[in-house]
Amino acid sequence: MTIDEENLKFLKESKEDIKEEVEVSIIGNYEALAALEKIIML
């Protein structure tokens, strides 16, 4: 593997990791909002 190929592989893996983290944080924010709405409605 050339250095470029290794860098490309690393970037693709990093992108996947970031995508997963973003999805998890969006789900977390959504759950927090839902919990907040329940508290407000009580």
C-alpha atoms as a PDB file:
ATOM      1  CA  MET A   1       0.000   0.000   0.000  1.00  0.00           C
ATOM      2  CA  THR A   2       1.206   3.473  -0.807  1.00  0.00           C
ATOM      3  CA  ILE A   3       1.032   6.312   1.692  1.00  0.00           C
ATOM      4  CA  ASP A   4      -1.882   7.800  -0.264  1.00  0.00           C
ATOM      5  CA  GLU A   5      -3.837   4.548  -0.080  1.00  0.00           C
ATOM      6  CA  GLU A   6      -3.220   4.308   3.655  1.00  0.00           C
ATOM      7  CA  ASN A   7      -4.334   7.905   4.160  1.00  0.00           C
ATOM      8  CA  LEU A   8      -7.474   7.304   2.114  1.00  0.00           C
ATOM      9  CA  LYS A   9      -8.314   4.195   4.137  1.00  0.00           C
ATOM     10  CA  PHE A  10      -7.781   6.119   7.382  1.00  0.00           C
ATOM     11  CA  LEU A  11      -9.986   8.992   6.190  1.00  0.00           C
ATOM     12  CA  LYS A  12     -12.795   6.624   5.197  1.00  0.00           C
ATOM     13  CA  GLU A  13     -12.673   4.931   8.603  1.00  0.00           C
ATOM     14  CA  SER A  14     -12.651   8.306  10.369  1.00  0.00           C
ATOM     15  CA  LYS A  15     -15.644   9.426   8.329  1.00  0.00           C
ATOM     16  CA  GLU A  16     -17.608   6.325   9.366  1.00  0.00           C
ATOM     17  CA  ASP A  17     -16.744   6.897  13.039  1.00  0.00           C
ATOM     18  CA  ILE A  18     -17.834  10.537  12.859  1.00  0.00           C
ATOM     19  CA  LYS A  19     -21.072   9.566  11.113  1.00  0.00           C
ATOM     20  CA  GLU A  20     -21.897   7.059  13.877  1.00  0.00           C
ATOM     21  CA  GLU A  21     -21.139   9.611  16.609  1.00  0.00           C
ATOM     22  CA  VAL A  22     -23.368  12.204  14.936  1.00  0.00           C
ATOM     23  CA  GLU A  23     -26.233   9.705  14.608  1.00  0.00           C
ATOM     24  CA  VAL A  24     -25.887   8.735  18.273  1.00  0.00           C
ATOM     25  CA  SER A  25     -25.878  12.369  19.414  1.00  0.00           C
ATOM     26  CA  ILE A  26     -28.929  13.176  17.280  1.00  0.00           C
ATOM     27  CA  ILE A  27     -30.801  10.233  18.829  1.00  0.00           C
ATOM     28  CA  GLY A  28     -29.637  11.342  22.297  1.00  0.00           C
ATOM     29  CA  ASN A  29     -30.856  14.901  21.684  1.00  0.00           C
ATOM     30  CA  TYR A  30     -34.200  13.608  20.426  1.00  0.00           C
ATOM     31  CA  GLU A  31     -34.646  11.463  23.544  1.00  0.00           C
ATOM     32  CA  ALA A  32     -33.727  14.406  25.777  1.00  0.00           C
ATOM     33  CA  LEU A  33     -36.305  16.584  23.993  1.00  0.00           C
ATOM     34  CA  ALA A  34     -38.978  13.907  24.372  1.00  0.00           C
ATOM     35  CA  ALA A  35     -38.225  13.647  28.096  1.00  0.00           C
ATOM     36  CA  LEU A  36     -38.386  17.432  28.433  1.00  0.00           C
ATOM     37  CA  GLU A  37     -41.782  17.518  26.702  1.00  0.00           C
ATOM     38  CA  LYS A  38     -43.127  14.909  29.134  1.00  0.00           C
ATOM     39  CA  ILE A  39     -41.939  16.993  32.095  1.00  0.00           C
ATOM     40  CA  ILE A  40     -43.540  20.151  30.662  1.00  0.00           C
ATOM     41  CA  MET A  41     -46.856  18.380  30.052  1.00  0.00           C
ATOM     42  CA  LEU A  42     -47.125  17.091  33.635  1.00  0.00           C
END
